[in-house]
Amino acid sequence: MPDTKDINTAPRPLIALPSCVRELDGQVFHVVGEKYVLGAIEGAGAVPVITPSLGDTTTHDTLLSSIDGLLLTGSPSNISPEHYGGPPTAPGTMLDPQRDGSTLPLIRAALAAAVPLLCICRGMQELNVALGGTLHQCLPEVPGRMNHDVDRSLPLDVQYATRHTITLEPGGQLAALWPDVAQPEVNSLHTQGIDRLAPGLTIEAVAPDQQIEAVRVTGSAGFALAVQWHPEWRVRDNPFYAAIFAAFAAAADARSSARRAQITL
């Protein structure tokens, strides 16, 4: 975990958080959950920068050349199945076409530019879809899969409590970050999940029902990790979650140093 003293004295990396798009009181807002903002600050020692999701009008090159990391957040919305050839969504499913139109190409551009990338929940699903994979739209309807969601009327502390173990793949990035515990416990608040793994992704962890819980980009030039659970939730209170953000922070710090050095040349 980043040292608080260092955060206050050293240059801090800029972490971009693409927003979700919501209509409130008849107006359109671009929003990010506070827990992700706090995760970037407390877990990565970063300055969070919330970026709008403007669909295919978003320009990526300027953004990516100005930031040190990209954090793809979870969301109540799901990716439209048109992006992976899935069946129509169930009635009442929340979609966010402007976020889809922004984040899917942004992910590909970030990987090409070796911008450190951490994807959480919907973000992991976006990574899989952006690279050509597919999703299960309702895990409880998939034979052999457990219910990975929780009762959203429960207090938040209960919702985000750890619910099941995951098995870390030997030799993987997560196993290297957390070598002493092969099956750490994680929270679980999702209905969708990876079905067909995208080319170029490697499984990092699975749930007890073998649902994919974490992936990395195979042979990526930069840090590129995705998890299905929510390590941003009170990141300082969970050493496993903190280790994930610390690794992301180290990659963002390295990019920040390289960018500053280039500017001073």
Protein backbone atom coordinates (compact mmCIF):
# COMPACT_ATOMS: atom_id res chain seq x y z
CA MET A 1 0.00 0.00 0.00
CA PRO A 2 1.37 3.48 -0.83
CA ASP A 3 2.94 5.27 2.15
CA THR A 4 0.86 8.28 3.27
CA LYS A 5 3.96 10.41 3.75
CA ASP A 6 5.14 9.64 0.22
CA ILE A 7 1.70 10.49 -1.18
CA ASN A 8 1.90 13.96 0.39
CA THR A 9 5.41 14.80 -0.86
CA ALA A 10 6.03 12.93 -4.13
CA PRO A 11 4.36 13.58 -7.51
CA ARG A 12 1.22 11.50 -7.68
CA PRO A 13 0.18 9.51 -10.76
CA LEU A 14 -2.95 10.49 -12.67
CA ILE A 15 -5.51 7.68 -12.90
CA ALA A 16 -8.42 8.09 -15.33
CA LEU A 17 -11.82 6.65 -14.39
CA PRO A 18 -14.27 6.59 -17.33
CA SER A 19 -17.74 7.52 -16.18
CA CYS A 20 -21.16 5.97 -16.42
CA VAL A 21 -23.92 8.01 -18.02
CA ARG A 22 -27.14 8.58 -16.09
CA GLU A 23 -30.20 10.75 -16.55
CA LEU A 24 -31.13 12.64 -13.38
CA ASP A 25 -34.02 15.08 -13.26
CA GLY A 26 -34.21 15.05 -17.04
CA GLN A 27 -30.53 15.91 -17.51
CA VAL A 28 -27.57 13.74 -18.48
CA PHE A 29 -24.78 13.31 -15.92
CA HIS A 30 -21.43 11.55 -16.15
CA VAL A 31 -20.81 9.79 -12.83
CA VAL A 32 -18.37 7.48 -11.02
CA GLY A 33 -19.00 5.71 -7.73
CA GLU A 34 -17.12 7.27 -4.83
CA LYS A 35 -15.64 3.92 -3.74
CA TYR A 36 -13.61 3.82 -6.98
CA VAL A 37 -12.41 7.38 -6.48
CA LEU A 38 -11.35 6.50 -2.93
CA GLY A 39 -9.77 3.28 -4.19
CA ALA A 40 -7.57 5.29 -6.57
CA ILE A 41 -6.60 7.68 -3.80
CA GLU A 42 -6.20 5.29 -0.88
CA GLY A 43 -5.12 2.19 -2.73
CA ALA A 44 -2.94 3.66 -5.47
CA GLY A 45 -1.94 7.01 -4.00
CA ALA A 46 -3.18 8.59 -7.20
CA VAL A 47 -5.00 11.68 -8.35
CA PRO A 48 -8.27 10.36 -9.84
CA VAL A 49 -9.48 12.01 -13.04
CA ILE A 50 -13.10 11.32 -13.98
CA THR A 51 -13.49 11.30 -17.75
CA PRO A 52 -16.79 11.61 -19.65
CA SER A 53 -18.17 8.77 -21.73
CA LEU A 54 -19.18 10.35 -25.02
CA GLY A 55 -19.50 7.24 -27.14
CA ASP A 56 -17.63 7.19 -30.43
CA THR A 57 -16.92 10.94 -30.19
CA THR A 58 -14.34 10.29 -27.45
CA THR A 59 -10.72 10.98 -28.45
CA HIS A 60 -8.29 8.58 -26.82
CA ASP A 61 -4.78 9.62 -27.83
CA THR A 62 -4.71 12.89 -25.89
CA LEU A 63 -6.17 11.27 -22.79
CA LEU A 64 -3.82 8.29 -22.82
CA SER A 65 -0.74 10.44 -23.35
CA SER A 66 -1.71 12.51 -20.30
CA ILE A 67 -2.44 9.79 -17.71
CA ASP A 68 -0.48 7.17 -15.80
CA GLY A 69 -3.17 4.54 -15.41
CA LEU A 70 -6.71 3.59 -16.39
CA LEU A 71 -9.24 2.19 -13.91
CA LEU A 72 -12.34 0.58 -15.43
CA THR A 73 -15.04 0.51 -12.77
CA GLY A 74 -18.04 -1.61 -12.00
CA SER A 75 -21.54 -0.32 -12.65
CA PRO A 76 -25.21 -1.23 -12.23
CA SER A 77 -25.38 -1.28 -16.05
CA ASN A 78 -24.46 -4.17 -18.33
CA ILE A 79 -22.65 -4.18 -21.66
CA SER A 80 -25.07 -4.32 -24.55
CA PRO A 81 -24.97 -7.86 -26.04
CA GLU A 82 -24.74 -6.40 -29.53
CA HIS A 83 -21.02 -5.97 -28.82
CA TYR A 84 -20.44 -9.72 -28.39
CA GLY A 85 -23.25 -11.32 -30.41
CA GLY A 86 -25.34 -12.29 -27.38
CA PRO A 87 -29.13 -12.65 -27.19
CA PRO A 88 -31.26 -9.62 -26.33
CA THR A 89 -31.16 -8.53 -22.70
CA ALA A 90 -33.96 -9.32 -20.26
CA PRO A 91 -36.62 -6.62 -19.81
CA GLY A 92 -35.53 -3.99 -17.32
CA THR A 93 -31.80 -4.52 -17.81
CA MET A 94 -29.87 -1.29 -17.39
CA LEU A 95 -27.61 -0.51 -20.35
CA ASP A 96 -25.18 2.34 -20.98
CA PRO A 97 -24.46 2.65 -24.71
CA GLN A 98 -22.32 5.78 -24.28
CA ARG A 99 -20.03 4.01 -21.84
CA ASP A 100 -19.84 0.97 -24.16
CA GLY A 101 -18.96 3.23 -27.06
CA SER A 102 -16.21 4.91 -25.04
CA THR A 103 -14.60 2.16 -22.99
CA LEU A 104 -14.39 -0.68 -25.52
CA PRO A 105 -12.16 1.22 -27.98
CA LEU A 106 -10.40 2.97 -25.07
CA ILE A 107 -9.31 -0.40 -23.65
CA ARG A 108 -7.78 -1.44 -26.97
CA ALA A 109 -6.02 1.92 -27.30
CA ALA A 110 -4.72 1.75 -23.72
CA LEU A 111 -3.25 -1.71 -24.28
CA ALA A 112 -1.58 -0.56 -27.47
CA ALA A 113 -0.07 2.39 -25.59
CA ALA A 114 0.97 0.19 -22.60
CA VAL A 115 -1.01 2.35 -20.16
CA PRO A 116 -1.39 0.46 -16.84
CA LEU A 117 -4.90 -0.97 -16.72
CA LEU A 118 -6.96 -2.27 -13.80
CA CYS A 119 -10.46 -3.49 -14.63
CA ILE A 120 -13.08 -4.19 -11.95
CA CYS A 121 -16.39 -6.06 -12.32
CA ARG A 122 -18.05 -4.48 -15.40
CA GLY A 123 -14.56 -3.35 -16.33
CA MET A 124 -13.37 -6.96 -16.51
CA GLN A 125 -16.34 -7.82 -18.70
CA GLU A 126 -15.53 -4.84 -20.93
CA LEU A 127 -11.95 -6.05 -21.30
CA ASN A 128 -13.15 -9.49 -22.37
CA VAL A 129 -15.67 -8.07 -24.86
CA ALA A 130 -13.21 -5.47 -26.21
CA LEU A 131 -10.80 -8.28 -27.11
CA GLY A 132 -13.41 -10.56 -28.68
CA GLY A 133 -14.86 -12.60 -25.82
CA THR A 134 -18.47 -13.20 -24.77
CA LEU A 135 -20.48 -13.01 -21.54
CA HIS A 136 -23.01 -15.01 -19.58
CA GLN A 137 -25.84 -12.56 -19.03
CA CYS A 138 -27.30 -14.33 -15.99
CA LEU A 139 -24.99 -16.66 -14.08
CA PRO A 140 -27.74 -18.24 -11.91
CA GLU A 141 -29.29 -19.58 -15.14
CA VAL A 142 -26.04 -21.25 -16.22
CA PRO A 143 -25.91 -24.94 -15.20
CA GLY A 144 -23.36 -25.50 -12.49
CA ARG A 145 -22.93 -21.83 -11.64
CA MET A 146 -23.68 -20.39 -8.21
CA ASN A 147 -25.48 -17.10 -7.56
CA HIS A 148 -22.69 -14.54 -7.56
CA ASP A 149 -24.91 -11.62 -6.59
CA VAL A 150 -26.24 -10.42 -3.23
CA ASP A 151 -29.43 -8.90 -1.89
CA ARG A 152 -28.93 -5.21 -2.64
CA SER A 153 -31.31 -4.21 0.16
CA LEU A 154 -28.77 -5.41 2.74
CA PRO A 155 -26.42 -2.92 4.46
CA LEU A 156 -23.35 -2.17 2.36
CA ASP A 157 -21.01 -3.77 4.90
CA VAL A 158 -22.93 -7.02 4.43
CA GLN A 159 -23.08 -6.72 0.64
CA TYR A 160 -19.32 -6.22 0.37
CA ALA A 161 -18.31 -8.83 2.91
CA THR A 162 -16.23 -11.71 1.52
CA ARG A 163 -18.49 -14.47 0.21
CA HIS A 164 -16.38 -17.14 -1.43
CA THR A 165 -12.81 -18.20 -2.09
CA ILE A 166 -11.02 -18.00 -5.39
CA THR A 167 -8.29 -20.32 -6.61
CA LEU A 168 -5.27 -18.47 -7.95
CA GLU A 169 -3.63 -19.92 -11.04
CA PRO A 170 -0.09 -21.09 -10.23
CA GLY A 171 2.54 -18.88 -11.83
CA GLY A 172 0.08 -16.07 -12.43
CA GLN A 173 0.29 -12.41 -11.55
CA LEU A 174 -2.13 -12.67 -8.62
CA ALA A 175 -0.31 -15.70 -7.25
CA ALA A 176 2.90 -13.68 -7.31
CA LEU A 177 1.20 -10.81 -5.48
CA TRP A 178 -0.30 -13.12 -2.86
CA PRO A 179 2.01 -16.15 -2.59
CA ASP A 180 1.09 -17.30 0.93
CA VAL A 181 -2.65 -17.91 0.37
CA ALA A 182 -3.67 -19.95 -2.67
CA GLN A 183 -7.38 -19.40 -2.07
CA PRO A 184 -8.07 -15.87 -0.78
CA GLU A 185 -11.63 -14.80 -0.04
CA VAL A 186 -13.39 -12.11 -2.06
CA ASN A 187 -16.71 -10.34 -2.19
CA SER A 188 -19.19 -11.05 -4.99
CA LEU A 189 -21.75 -8.64 -6.45
CA HIS A 190 -22.38 -9.51 -10.09
CA THR A 191 -24.93 -11.32 -12.22
CA GLN A 192 -22.89 -11.46 -15.44
CA GLY A 193 -19.53 -13.06 -16.07
CA ILE A 194 -17.13 -14.26 -18.73
CA ASP A 195 -18.42 -17.02 -20.99
CA ARG A 196 -15.91 -17.42 -23.86
CA LEU A 197 -12.53 -16.05 -22.88
CA ALA A 198 -11.17 -13.52 -25.36
CA PRO A 199 -8.03 -14.32 -27.34
CA GLY A 200 -5.07 -12.72 -25.63
CA LEU A 201 -6.39 -13.16 -22.10
CA THR A 202 -5.06 -15.61 -19.51
CA ILE A 203 -7.08 -16.83 -16.53
CA GLU A 204 -5.69 -15.65 -13.20
CA ALA A 205 -8.33 -17.02 -10.79
CA VAL A 206 -11.58 -18.99 -10.71
CA ALA A 207 -14.45 -19.28 -8.22
CA PRO A 208 -15.45 -22.61 -6.60
CA ASP A 209 -17.95 -23.14 -9.47
CA GLN A 210 -15.11 -22.54 -11.98
CA GLN A 211 -16.49 -19.17 -13.08
CA ILE A 212 -13.61 -16.98 -14.22
CA GLU A 213 -12.85 -14.41 -11.53
CA ALA A 214 -9.68 -12.73 -12.79
CA VAL A 215 -7.67 -12.44 -16.01
CA ARG A 216 -4.57 -10.73 -17.29
CA VAL A 217 -3.63 -9.64 -20.80
CA THR A 218 -1.16 -12.24 -22.03
CA GLY A 219 2.23 -10.76 -22.83
CA SER A 220 1.04 -7.20 -22.26
CA ALA A 221 3.72 -4.54 -22.49
CA GLY A 222 2.20 -2.91 -19.38
CA PHE A 223 0.25 -3.84 -16.26
CA ALA A 224 -3.13 -5.18 -17.42
CA LEU A 225 -5.17 -7.06 -14.82
CA ALA A 226 -8.92 -7.55 -14.41
CA VAL A 227 -10.91 -8.91 -11.46
CA GLN A 228 -14.59 -9.69 -11.10
CA TRP A 229 -14.85 -8.77 -7.41
CA HIS A 230 -14.50 -5.34 -5.80
CA PRO A 231 -11.03 -4.74 -4.33
CA GLU A 232 -11.71 -1.00 -4.19
CA TRP A 233 -14.14 -1.49 -1.29
CA ARG A 234 -12.34 -0.23 1.82
CA VAL A 235 -9.10 -1.26 0.16
CA ARG A 236 -6.97 -0.44 3.19
CA ASP A 237 -8.85 -2.97 5.33
CA ASN A 238 -8.10 -6.00 3.13
CA PRO A 239 -4.42 -6.89 2.51
CA PHE A 240 -5.23 -8.92 -0.63
CA TYR A 241 -7.18 -6.06 -2.17
CA ALA A 242 -4.46 -3.62 -1.13
CA ALA A 243 -1.79 -5.77 -2.82
CA ILE A 244 -3.69 -5.53 -6.13
CA PHE A 245 -3.90 -1.75 -5.92
CA ALA A 246 -0.27 -1.52 -4.83
CA ALA A 247 0.83 -3.39 -7.96
CA PHE A 248 -1.32 -1.09 -10.10
CA ALA A 249 0.16 1.91 -8.26
CA ALA A 250 3.73 0.74 -8.91
CA ALA A 251 3.01 0.50 -12.64
CA ALA A 252 1.33 3.92 -12.65
CA ASP A 253 4.23 5.44 -10.68
CA ALA A 254 6.72 4.05 -13.20
CA ARG A 255 4.76 5.55 -16.10
CA SER A 256 4.46 8.86 -14.25
CA SER A 257 8.23 9.00 -13.75
CA ALA A 258 8.83 8.17 -17.40
CA ARG A 259 6.40 10.87 -18.54
CA ARG A 260 8.04 13.49 -16.32
CA ALA A 261 11.47 12.54 -17.57
CA GLN A 262 10.31 12.88 -21.16
CA ILE A 263 8.80 16.29 -20.47
CA THR A 264 12.07 17.59 -19.03
CA LEU A 265 14.17 16.45 -22.00
